[in-house]
């Protein structure tokens, strides 16, 4: 889910930059030489950069999530056997009964 939100956010930012710059280039197209216009249009179409940035960003996020999952699993494996979930739950139940 987090990876999809990264793609959605990047797409939104890319389009918010792409559309106004494209519109501006169209508005000044009659005042600049054709070679400059074509060069600016090619520079404006940064789809390869968008693809590269989005893949690298998602790969980094996946790596962080994997590290987080591995850390959590290792912490759960190293739990002291005397303080397992059920023992803590029993203590909470006993304290609830005392409070009643």
PDB file of N, CA and C in Angstrom:
ATOM      1  N   UNK A   1       0.818  -1.185   0.000  1.00  0.00           N
ATOM      2  CA  UNK A   1       0.000   0.000   0.000  1.00  0.00           C
ATOM      3  C   UNK A   1       0.867   1.257   0.000  1.00  0.00           C
ATOM      4  N   UNK A   2       1.952   1.214   0.738  1.00  0.00           N
ATOM      5  CA  UNK A   2       2.828   2.383   0.802  1.00  0.00           C
ATOM      6  C   UNK A   2       3.486   2.645  -0.548  1.00  0.00           C
ATOM      7  N   UNK A   3       3.795   1.572  -1.265  1.00  0.00           N
ATOM      8  CA  UNK A   3       4.413   1.728  -2.582  1.00  0.00           C
ATOM      9  C   UNK A   3       3.443   2.374  -3.561  1.00  0.00           C
ATOM     10  N   UNK A   4       2.174   2.016  -3.457  1.00  0.00           N
ATOM     11  CA  UNK A   4       1.179   2.631  -4.328  1.00  0.00           C
ATOM     12  C   UNK A   4       1.020   4.115  -4.019  1.00  0.00           C
ATOM     13  N   UNK A   5       1.099   4.476  -2.763  1.00  0.00           N
ATOM     14  CA  UNK A   5       0.993   5.892  -2.416  1.00  0.00           C
ATOM     15  C   UNK A   5       2.211   6.664  -2.923  1.00  0.00           C
ATOM     16  N   UNK A   6       3.375   6.014  -2.949  1.00  0.00           N
ATOM     17  CA  UNK A   6       4.557   6.666  -3.510  1.00  0.00           C
ATOM     18  C   UNK A   6       4.346   6.942  -4.989  1.00  0.00           C
ATOM     19  N   UNK A   7       3.854   5.941  -5.717  1.00  0.00           N
ATOM     20  CA  UNK A   7       3.592   6.143  -7.141  1.00  0.00           C
ATOM     21  C   UNK A   7       2.545   7.235  -7.370  1.00  0.00           C
ATOM     22  N   UNK A   8       1.506   7.244  -6.570  1.00  0.00           N
ATOM     23  CA  UNK A   8       0.465   8.253  -6.734  1.00  0.00           C
ATOM     24  C   UNK A   8       1.005   9.654  -6.462  1.00  0.00           C
ATOM     25  N   UNK A   9       1.785   9.797  -5.410  1.00  0.00           N
ATOM     26  CA  UNK A   9       2.348  11.112  -5.086  1.00  0.00           C
ATOM     27  C   UNK A   9       3.324  11.580  -6.154  1.00  0.00           C
ATOM     28  N   UNK A  10       4.178  10.685  -6.614  1.00  0.00           N
ATOM     29  CA  UNK A  10       5.123  11.057  -7.666  1.00  0.00           C
ATOM     30  C   UNK A  10       4.408  11.424  -8.954  1.00  0.00           C
ATOM     31  N   UNK A  11       3.378  10.693  -9.299  1.00  0.00           N
ATOM     32  CA  UNK A  11       2.617  11.001 -10.507  1.00  0.00           C
ATOM     33  C   UNK A  11       1.960  12.369 -10.402  1.00  0.00           C
ATOM     34  N   UNK A  12       1.432  12.665  -9.239  1.00  0.00           N
ATOM     35  CA  UNK A  12       0.787  13.965  -9.047  1.00  0.00           C
ATOM     36  C   UNK A  12       1.789  15.103  -9.193  1.00  0.00           C
ATOM     37  N   UNK A  13       2.934  14.965  -8.557  1.00  0.00           N
ATOM     38  CA  UNK A  13       3.959  16.010  -8.639  1.00  0.00           C
ATOM     39  C   UNK A  13       4.461  16.145 -10.076  1.00  0.00           C
ATOM     40  N   UNK A  14       4.697  15.013 -10.721  1.00  0.00           N
ATOM     41  CA  UNK A  14       5.186  15.044 -12.093  1.00  0.00           C
ATOM     42  C   UNK A  14       4.192  15.757 -13.011  1.00  0.00           C
ATOM     43  N   UNK A  15       2.914  15.434 -12.866  1.00  0.00           N
ATOM     44  CA  UNK A  15       1.914  16.063 -13.726  1.00  0.00           C
ATOM     45  C   UNK A  15       1.728  17.543 -13.397  1.00  0.00           C
ATOM     46  N   UNK A  16       1.842  17.902 -12.125  1.00  0.00           N
ATOM     47  CA  UNK A  16       1.717  19.311 -11.755  1.00  0.00           C
ATOM     48  C   UNK A  16       2.868  20.150 -12.296  1.00  0.00           C
ATOM     49  N   UNK A  17       3.996  19.533 -12.550  1.00  0.00           N
ATOM     50  CA  UNK A  17       5.129  20.237 -13.164  1.00  0.00           C
ATOM     51  C   UNK A  17       5.049  20.142 -14.683  1.00  0.00           C
ATOM     52  N   UNK A  18       4.695  18.992 -15.191  1.00  0.00           N
ATOM     53  CA  UNK A  18       4.689  18.726 -16.626  1.00  0.00           C
ATOM     54  C   UNK A  18       3.650  19.567 -17.373  1.00  0.00           C
ATOM     55  N   UNK A  19       2.434  19.611 -16.898  1.00  0.00           N
ATOM     56  CA  UNK A  19       1.353  20.277 -17.628  1.00  0.00           C
ATOM     57  C   UNK A  19       1.572  21.790 -17.735  1.00  0.00           C
ATOM     58  N   UNK A  20       1.900  22.487 -16.642  1.00  0.00           N
ATOM     59  CA  UNK A  20       2.135  23.939 -16.800  1.00  0.00           C
ATOM     60  C   UNK A  20       3.340  24.251 -17.690  1.00  0.00           C
ATOM     61  N   UNK A  21       4.402  23.462 -17.568  1.00  0.00           N
ATOM     62  CA  UNK A  21       5.568  23.741 -18.415  1.00  0.00           C
ATOM     63  C   UNK A  21       5.250  23.463 -19.881  1.00  0.00           C
ATOM     64  N   UNK A  22       4.470  22.442 -20.161  1.00  0.00           N
ATOM     65  CA  UNK A  22       4.065  22.156 -21.526  1.00  0.00           C
ATOM     66  C   UNK A  22       3.177  23.276 -22.067  1.00  0.00           C
ATOM     67  N   UNK A  23       2.259  23.748 -21.252  1.00  0.00           N
ATOM     68  CA  UNK A  23       1.382  24.850 -21.669  1.00  0.00           C
ATOM     69  C   UNK A  23       2.180  26.119 -21.937  1.00  0.00           C
ATOM     70  N   UNK A  24       3.156  26.381 -21.089  1.00  0.00           N
ATOM     71  CA  UNK A  24       4.007  27.563 -21.289  1.00  0.00           C
ATOM     72  C   UNK A  24       4.788  27.441 -22.591  1.00  0.00           C
ATOM     73  N   UNK A  25       5.341  26.265 -22.850  1.00  0.00           N
ATOM     74  CA  UNK A  25       6.083  26.073 -24.096  1.00  0.00           C
ATOM     75  C   UNK A  25       5.187  26.248 -25.314  1.00  0.00           C
ATOM     76  N   UNK A  26       3.963  25.799 -25.220  1.00  0.00           N
ATOM     77  CA  UNK A  26       3.034  25.998 -26.335  1.00  0.00           C
ATOM     78  C   UNK A  26       2.732  27.477 -26.549  1.00  0.00           C
ATOM     79  N   UNK A  27       2.641  28.225 -25.466  1.00  0.00           N
ATOM     80  CA  UNK A  27       2.315  29.646 -25.598  1.00  0.00           C
ATOM     81  C   UNK A  27       3.464  30.450 -26.194  1.00  0.00           C
ATOM     82  N   UNK A  28       4.706  30.045 -25.952  1.00  0.00           N
ATOM     83  CA  UNK A  28       5.850  30.796 -26.500  1.00  0.00           C
ATOM     84  C   UNK A  28       6.400  30.155 -27.768  1.00  0.00           C
ATOM     85  N   UNK A  29       5.744  29.155 -28.282  1.00  0.00           N
ATOM     86  CA  UNK A  29       6.284  28.427 -29.439  1.00  0.00           C
ATOM     87  C   UNK A  29       6.424  29.298 -30.676  1.00  0.00           C
ATOM     88  N   UNK A  30       5.601  30.311 -30.819  1.00  0.00           N
ATOM     89  CA  UNK A  30       5.682  31.157 -32.015  1.00  0.00           C
ATOM     90  C   UNK A  30       6.789  32.188 -31.924  1.00  0.00           C
ATOM     91  N   UNK A  31       7.299  32.435 -30.734  1.00  0.00           N
ATOM     92  CA  UNK A  31       8.303  33.490 -30.564  1.00  0.00           C
ATOM     93  C   UNK A  31       9.726  32.979 -30.526  1.00  0.00           C
ATOM     94  N   UNK A  32       9.937  31.682 -30.425  1.00  0.00           N
ATOM     95  CA  UNK A  32      11.298  31.145 -30.369  1.00  0.00           C
ATOM     96  C   UNK A  32      11.576  30.323 -31.624  1.00  0.00           C
ATOM     97  N   UNK A  33      12.859  30.155 -31.955  1.00  0.00           N
ATOM     98  CA  UNK A  33      13.198  29.347 -33.132  1.00  0.00           C
ATOM     99  C   UNK A  33      12.728  27.899 -32.962  1.00  0.00           C
ATOM    100  N   UNK A  34      12.497  27.233 -34.076  1.00  0.00           N
ATOM    101  CA  UNK A  34      11.965  25.865 -34.053  1.00  0.00           C
ATOM    102  C   UNK A  34      12.919  24.896 -33.356  1.00  0.00           C
ATOM    103  N   UNK A  35      14.228  25.068 -33.562  1.00  0.00           N
ATOM    104  CA  UNK A  35      15.204  24.177 -32.931  1.00  0.00           C
ATOM    105  C   UNK A  35      15.149  24.287 -31.410  1.00  0.00           C
ATOM    106  N   UNK A  36      15.056  25.533 -30.925  1.00  0.00           N
ATOM    107  CA  UNK A  36      14.971  25.744 -29.481  1.00  0.00           C
ATOM    108  C   UNK A  36      13.673  25.168 -28.917  1.00  0.00           C
ATOM    109  N   UNK A  37      12.596  25.353 -29.667  1.00  0.00           N
ATOM    110  CA  UNK A  37      11.304  24.826 -29.233  1.00  0.00           C
ATOM    111  C   UNK A  37      11.349  23.308 -29.124  1.00  0.00           C
ATOM    112  N   UNK A  38      11.902  22.645 -30.127  1.00  0.00           N
ATOM    113  CA  UNK A  38      11.985  21.180 -30.095  1.00  0.00           C
ATOM    114  C   UNK A  38      12.893  20.695 -28.963  1.00  0.00           C
ATOM    115  N   UNK A  39      13.997  21.420 -28.735  1.00  0.00           N
ATOM    116  CA  UNK A  39      14.899  21.047 -27.640  1.00  0.00           C
ATOM    117  C   UNK A  39      14.202  21.200 -26.287  1.00  0.00           C
ATOM    118  N   UNK A  40      13.454  22.285 -26.124  1.00  0.00           N
ATOM    119  CA  UNK A  40      12.738  22.494 -24.867  1.00  0.00           C
ATOM    120  C   UNK A  40      11.623  21.469 -24.674  1.00  0.00           C
ATOM    121  N   UNK A  41      10.960  21.103 -25.768  1.00  0.00           N
ATOM    122  CA  UNK A  41       9.914  20.076 -25.664  1.00  0.00           C
ATOM    123  C   UNK A  41      10.513  18.726 -25.264  1.00  0.00           C
ATOM    124  N   UNK A  42      11.675  18.433 -25.816  1.00  0.00           N
ATOM    125  CA  UNK A  42      12.329  17.173 -25.456  1.00  0.00           C
ATOM    126  C   UNK A  42      12.795  17.204 -23.999  1.00  0.00           C
ATOM    127  N   UNK A  43      13.285  18.354 -23.575  1.00  0.00           N
ATOM    128  CA  UNK A  43      13.698  18.499 -22.179  1.00  0.00           C
ATOM    129  C   UNK A  43      12.497  18.415 -21.248  1.00  0.00           C
ATOM    130  N   UNK A  44      11.357  18.900 -21.696  1.00  0.00           N
ATOM    131  CA  UNK A  44      10.136  18.884 -20.893  1.00  0.00           C
ATOM    132  C   UNK A  44       9.609  17.467 -20.675  1.00  0.00           C
ATOM    133  N   UNK A  45       9.808  16.591 -21.618  1.00  0.00           N
ATOM    134  CA  UNK A  45       9.315  15.222 -21.490  1.00  0.00           C
ATOM    135  C   UNK A  45      10.279  14.357 -20.707  1.00  0.00           C
ATOM    136  N   UNK A  46      10.235  14.453 -19.410  1.00  0.00           N
ATOM    137  CA  UNK A  46      11.177  13.748 -18.535  1.00  0.00           C
ATOM    138  C   UNK A  46      10.612  12.417 -18.040  1.00  0.00           C
ATOM    139  N   UNK A  47       9.972  11.665 -18.914  1.00  0.00           N
ATOM    140  CA  UNK A  47       9.406  10.383 -18.505  1.00  0.00           C
ATOM    141  C   UNK A  47      10.470   9.384 -18.049  1.00  0.00           C
ATOM    142  N   UNK A  48      11.629   9.299 -18.722  1.00  0.00           N
ATOM    143  CA  UNK A  48      12.646   8.360 -18.212  1.00  0.00           C
ATOM    144  C   UNK A  48      13.126   8.722 -16.807  1.00  0.00           C
ATOM    145  N   UNK A  49      13.298  10.008 -16.535  1.00  0.00           N
ATOM    146  CA  UNK A  49      13.718  10.428 -15.200  1.00  0.00           C
ATOM    147  C   UNK A  49      12.644  10.099 -14.172  1.00  0.00           C
ATOM    148  N   UNK A  50      11.385  10.324 -14.536  1.00  0.00           N
ATOM    149  CA  UNK A  50      10.272  10.001 -13.642  1.00  0.00           C
ATOM    150  C   UNK A  50      10.265   8.503 -13.321  1.00  0.00           C
ATOM    151  N   UNK A  51      10.440   7.680 -14.351  1.00  0.00           N
ATOM    152  CA  UNK A  51      10.462   6.234 -14.143  1.00  0.00           C
ATOM    153  C   UNK A  51      11.606   5.802 -13.250  1.00  0.00           C
ATOM    154  N   UNK A  52      12.782   6.353 -13.495  1.00  0.00           N
ATOM    155  CA  UNK A  52      13.959   5.991 -12.701  1.00  0.00           C
ATOM    156  C   UNK A  52      13.797   6.409 -11.247  1.00  0.00           C
ATOM    157  N   UNK A  53      13.346   7.629 -11.031  1.00  0.00           N
ATOM    158  CA  UNK A  53      13.174   8.132  -9.658  1.00  0.00           C
ATOM    159  C   UNK A  53      12.121   7.321  -8.917  1.00  0.00           C
ATOM    160  N   UNK A  54      11.017   7.019  -9.591  1.00  0.00           N
ATOM    161  CA  UNK A  54       9.956   6.274  -8.899  1.00  0.00           C
ATOM    162  C   UNK A  54      10.402   4.861  -8.545  1.00  0.00           C
ATOM    163  N   UNK A  55      11.131   4.203  -9.438  1.00  0.00           N
ATOM    164  CA  UNK A  55      11.607   2.847  -9.138  1.00  0.00           C
ATOM    165  C   UNK A  55      12.611   2.870  -7.993  1.00  0.00           C
ATOM    166  N   UNK A  56      13.527   3.832  -8.009  1.00  0.00           N
ATOM    167  CA  UNK A  56      14.519   3.911  -6.928  1.00  0.00           C
ATOM    168  C   UNK A  56      13.864   4.231  -5.592  1.00  0.00           C
ATOM    169  N   UNK A  57      12.880   5.107  -5.602  1.00  0.00           N
ATOM    170  CA  UNK A  57      12.191   5.473  -4.367  1.00  0.00           C
ATOM    171  C   UNK A  57      11.411   4.284  -3.800  1.00  0.00           C
ATOM    172  N   UNK A  58      10.730   3.552  -4.662  1.00  0.00           N
ATOM    173  CA  UNK A  58       9.976   2.381  -4.207  1.00  0.00           C
ATOM    174  C   UNK A  58      10.927   1.292  -3.714  1.00  0.00           C
ATOM    175  N   UNK A  59      12.047   1.091  -4.410  1.00  0.00           N
ATOM    176  CA  UNK A  59      13.022   0.091  -3.967  1.00  0.00           C
ATOM    177  C   UNK A  59      13.582   0.446  -2.594  1.00  0.00           C
ATOM    178  N   UNK A  60      13.827   1.717  -2.353  1.00  0.00           N
ATOM    179  CA  UNK A  60      14.326   2.149  -1.040  1.00  0.00           C
ATOM    180  C   UNK A  60      13.274   1.902   0.037  1.00  0.00           C
ATOM    181  N   UNK A  61      12.021   2.213  -0.282  1.00  0.00           N
ATOM    182  CA  UNK A  61      10.942   2.011   0.693  1.00  0.00           C
ATOM    183  C   UNK A  61      10.772   0.527   1.016  1.00  0.00           C
ATOM    184  N   UNK A  62      10.856  -0.323  -0.001  1.00  0.00           N
ATOM    185  CA  UNK A  62      10.746  -1.764   0.228  1.00  0.00           C
ATOM    186  C   UNK A  62      11.896  -2.253   1.092  1.00  0.00           C
ATOM    187  N   UNK A  63      13.093  -1.736   0.842  1.00  0.00           N
ATOM    188  CA  UNK A  63      14.249  -2.119   1.652  1.00  0.00           C
ATOM    189  C   UNK A  63      14.052  -1.711   3.114  1.00  0.00           C
ATOM    190  N   UNK A  64      13.539  -0.504   3.338  1.00  0.00           N
ATOM    191  CA  UNK A  64      13.280  -0.060   4.716  1.00  0.00           C
ATOM    192  C   UNK A  64      12.219  -0.924   5.387  1.00  0.00           C
ATOM    193  N   UNK A  65      11.192  -1.292   4.642  1.00  0.00           N
ATOM    194  CA  UNK A  65      10.145  -2.150   5.206  1.00  0.00           C
ATOM    195  C   UNK A  65      10.685  -3.537   5.543  1.00  0.00           C
ATOM    196  N   UNK A  66      11.517  -4.074   4.674  1.00  0.00           N
ATOM    197  CA  UNK A  66      12.120  -5.387   4.960  1.00  0.00           C
ATOM    198  C   UNK A  66      12.975  -5.342   6.213  1.00  0.00           C
ATOM    199  N   UNK A  67      13.781  -4.291   6.339  1.00  0.00           N
ATOM    200  CA  UNK A  67      14.622  -4.153   7.529  1.00  0.00           C
ATOM    201  C   UNK A  67      13.764  -4.040   8.785  1.00  0.00           C
ATOM    202  N   UNK A  68      12.683  -3.295   8.685  1.00  0.00           N
ATOM    203  CA  UNK A  68      11.792  -3.140   9.831  1.00  0.00           C
ATOM    204  C   UNK A  68      11.149  -4.474  10.206  1.00  0.00           C
ATOM    205  N   UNK A  69      10.699  -5.221   9.219  1.00  0.00           N
ATOM    206  CA  UNK A  69      10.085  -6.528   9.478  1.00  0.00           C
ATOM    207  C   UNK A  69      11.097  -7.483  10.082  1.00  0.00           C
ATOM    208  N   UNK A  70      12.318  -7.513   9.532  1.00  0.00           N
ATOM    209  CA  UNK A  70      13.349  -8.395  10.077  1.00  0.00           C
ATOM    210  C   UNK A  70      13.695  -8.029  11.516  1.00  0.00           C
ATOM    211  N   UNK A  71      13.775  -6.749  11.803  1.00  0.00           N
ATOM    212  CA  UNK A  71      14.067  -6.308  13.164  1.00  0.00           C
ATOM    213  C   UNK A  71      12.961  -6.744  14.118  1.00  0.00           C
ATOM    214  N   UNK A  72      11.715  -6.557  13.706  1.00  0.00           N
ATOM    215  CA  UNK A  72      10.596  -6.955  14.560  1.00  0.00           C
ATOM    216  C   UNK A  72      10.568  -8.461  14.782  1.00  0.00           C
ATOM    217  N   UNK A  73      10.817  -9.228  13.731  1.00  0.00           N
ATOM    218  CA  UNK A  73      10.824 -10.688  13.887  1.00  0.00           C
ATOM    219  C   UNK A  73      11.955 -11.147  14.793  1.00  0.00           C
ATOM    220  N   UNK A  74      13.135 -10.546  14.644  1.00  0.00           N
ATOM    221  CA  UNK A  74      14.256 -10.923  15.503  1.00  0.00           C
ATOM    222  C   UNK A  74      13.984 -10.566  16.958  1.00  0.00           C
ATOM    223  N   UNK A  75      13.331  -9.438  17.188  1.00  0.00           N
ATOM    224  CA  UNK A  75      12.989  -9.063  18.562  1.00  0.00           C
ATOM    225  C   UNK A  75      11.987 -10.044  19.158  1.00  0.00           C
ATOM    226  N   UNK A  76      11.051 -10.506  18.353  1.00  0.00           N
ATOM    227  CA  UNK A  76      10.066 -11.462  18.857  1.00  0.00           C
ATOM    228  C   UNK A  76      10.698 -12.821  19.115  1.00  0.00           C
ATOM    229  N   UNK A  77      11.689 -13.195  18.324  1.00  0.00           N
ATOM    230  CA  UNK A  77      12.368 -14.470  18.558  1.00  0.00           C
ATOM    231  C   UNK A  77      13.213 -14.442  19.822  1.00  0.00           C
ATOM    232  N   UNK A  78      13.726 -13.278  20.166  1.00  0.00           N
ATOM    233  CA  UNK A  78      14.604 -13.151  21.321  1.00  0.00           C
ATOM    234  C   UNK A  78      13.850 -12.804  22.605  1.00  0.00           C
ATOM    235  N   UNK A  79      12.538 -12.947  22.605  1.00  0.00           N
ATOM    236  CA  UNK A  79      11.768 -12.652  23.807  1.00  0.00           C
ATOM    237  C   UNK A  79      12.153 -13.608  24.934  1.00  0.00           C
ATOM    238  N   UNK A  80      12.146 -13.075  26.117  1.00  0.00           N
ATOM    239  CA  UNK A  80      12.370 -13.899  27.290  1.00  0.00           C
ATOM    240  C   UNK A  80      11.148 -14.802  27.460  1.00  0.00           C
ATOM    241  N   UNK A  81      11.380 -16.095  27.621  1.00  0.00           N
ATOM    242  CA  UNK A  81      10.268 -17.042  27.677  1.00  0.00           C
ATOM    243  C   UNK A  81       9.352 -16.818  28.872  1.00  0.00           C
ATOM    244  N   UNK A  82       9.844 -16.170  29.882  1.00  0.00           N
ATOM    245  CA  UNK A  82       9.006 -15.940  31.051  1.00  0.00           C
ATOM    246  C   UNK A  82       8.046 -14.773  30.832  1.00  0.00           C
ATOM    247  N   UNK A  83       8.284 -13.992  29.820  1.00  0.00           N
ATOM    248  CA  UNK A  83       7.417 -12.842  29.566  1.00  0.00           C
ATOM    249  C   UNK A  83       6.753 -12.971  28.200  1.00  0.00           C
ATOM    250  N   UNK A  84       6.147 -14.063  27.977  1.00  0.00           N
ATOM    251  CA  UNK A  84       5.442 -14.246  26.713  1.00  0.00           C
ATOM    252  C   UNK A  84       4.120 -13.504  26.757  1.00  0.00           C
ATOM    253  N   UNK A  85       3.455 -13.514  25.650  1.00  0.00           N
ATOM    254  CA  UNK A  85       2.187 -12.793  25.521  1.00  0.00           C
ATOM    255  C   UNK A  85       1.157 -13.283  26.529  1.00  0.00           C
ATOM    256  N   UNK A  86       1.077 -14.582  26.710  1.00  0.00           N
ATOM    257  CA  UNK A  86       0.046 -15.129  27.591  1.00  0.00           C
ATOM    258  C   UNK A  86       0.305 -14.792  29.051  1.00  0.00           C
ATOM    259  N   UNK A  87       1.553 -14.743  29.440  1.00  0.00           N
ATOM    260  CA  UNK A  87       1.862 -14.364  30.824  1.00  0.00           C
ATOM    261  C   UNK A  87       1.500 -12.902  31.074  1.00  0.00           C
ATOM    262  N   UNK A  88       1.802 -12.073  30.118  1.00  0.00           N
ATOM    263  CA  UNK A  88       1.444 -10.659  30.256  1.00  0.00           C
ATOM    264  C   UNK A  88      -0.066 -10.504  30.272  1.00  0.00           C
ATOM    265  N   UNK A  89      -0.752 -11.260  29.427  1.00  0.00           N
ATOM    266  CA  UNK A  89      -2.209 -11.206  29.399  1.00  0.00           C
ATOM    267  C   UNK A  89      -2.800 -11.665  30.731  1.00  0.00           C
ATOM    268  N   UNK A  90      -2.257 -12.730  31.304  1.00  0.00           N
ATOM    269  CA  UNK A  90      -2.732 -13.204  32.609  1.00  0.00           C
ATOM    270  C   UNK A  90      -2.555 -12.131  33.678  1.00  0.00           C
ATOM    271  N   UNK A  91      -1.416 -11.438  33.657  1.00  0.00           N
ATOM    272  CA  UNK A  91      -1.179 -10.380  34.633  1.00  0.00           C
ATOM    273  C   UNK A  91      -2.184  -9.252  34.454  1.00  0.00           C
ATOM    274  N   UNK A  92      -2.490  -8.933  33.206  1.00  0.00           N
ATOM    275  CA  UNK A  92      -3.463  -7.872  32.970  1.00  0.00           C
ATOM    276  C   UNK A  92      -4.853  -8.295  33.451  1.00  0.00           C
ATOM    277  N   UNK A  93      -5.207  -9.538  33.231  1.00  0.00           N
ATOM    278  CA  UNK A  93      -6.508 -10.017  33.679  1.00  0.00           C
ATOM    279  C   UNK A  93      -6.580 -10.000  35.201  1.00  0.00           C
ATOM    280  N   UNK A  94      -5.509 -10.443  35.851  1.00  0.00           N
ATOM    281  CA  UNK A  94      -5.496 -10.437  37.316  1.00  0.00           C
ATOM    282  C   UNK A  94      -5.579  -9.017  37.864  1.00  0.00           C
ATOM    283  N   UNK A  95      -4.899  -8.087  37.245  1.00  0.00           N
ATOM    284  CA  UNK A  95      -4.964  -6.707  37.731  1.00  0.00           C
ATOM    285  C   UNK A  95      -6.334  -6.098  37.485  1.00  0.00           C
ATOM    286  N   UNK A  96      -6.989  -6.505  36.404  1.00  0.00           N
ATOM    287  CA  UNK A  96      -8.347  -6.039  36.136  1.00  0.00           C
ATOM    288  C   UNK A  96      -9.305  -6.560  37.209  1.00  0.00           C
ATOM    289  N   UNK A  97      -9.125  -7.815  37.602  1.00  0.00           N
ATOM    290  CA  UNK A  97     -10.002  -8.406  38.623  1.00  0.00           C
ATOM    291  C   UNK A  97      -9.792  -7.746  39.956  1.00  0.00           C
ATOM    292  N   UNK A  98      -8.560  -7.370  40.262  1.00  0.00           N
ATOM    293  CA  UNK A  98      -8.286  -6.712  41.533  1.00  0.00           C
ATOM    294  C   UNK A  98      -8.928  -5.338  41.579  1.00  0.00           C
ATOM    295  N   UNK A  99      -8.974  -4.685  40.436  1.00  0.00           N
ATOM    296  CA  UNK A  99      -9.543  -3.331  40.367  1.00  0.00           C
ATOM    297  C   UNK A  99     -11.060  -3.334  40.462  1.00  0.00           C
ATOM    298  N   UNK A 100     -11.703  -4.468  40.223  1.00  0.00           N
ATOM    299  CA  UNK A 100     -13.168  -4.536  40.259  1.00  0.00           C
ATOM    300  C   UNK A 100     -13.700  -4.534  41.638  1.00  0.00           C
TER     301      UNK A 100
END
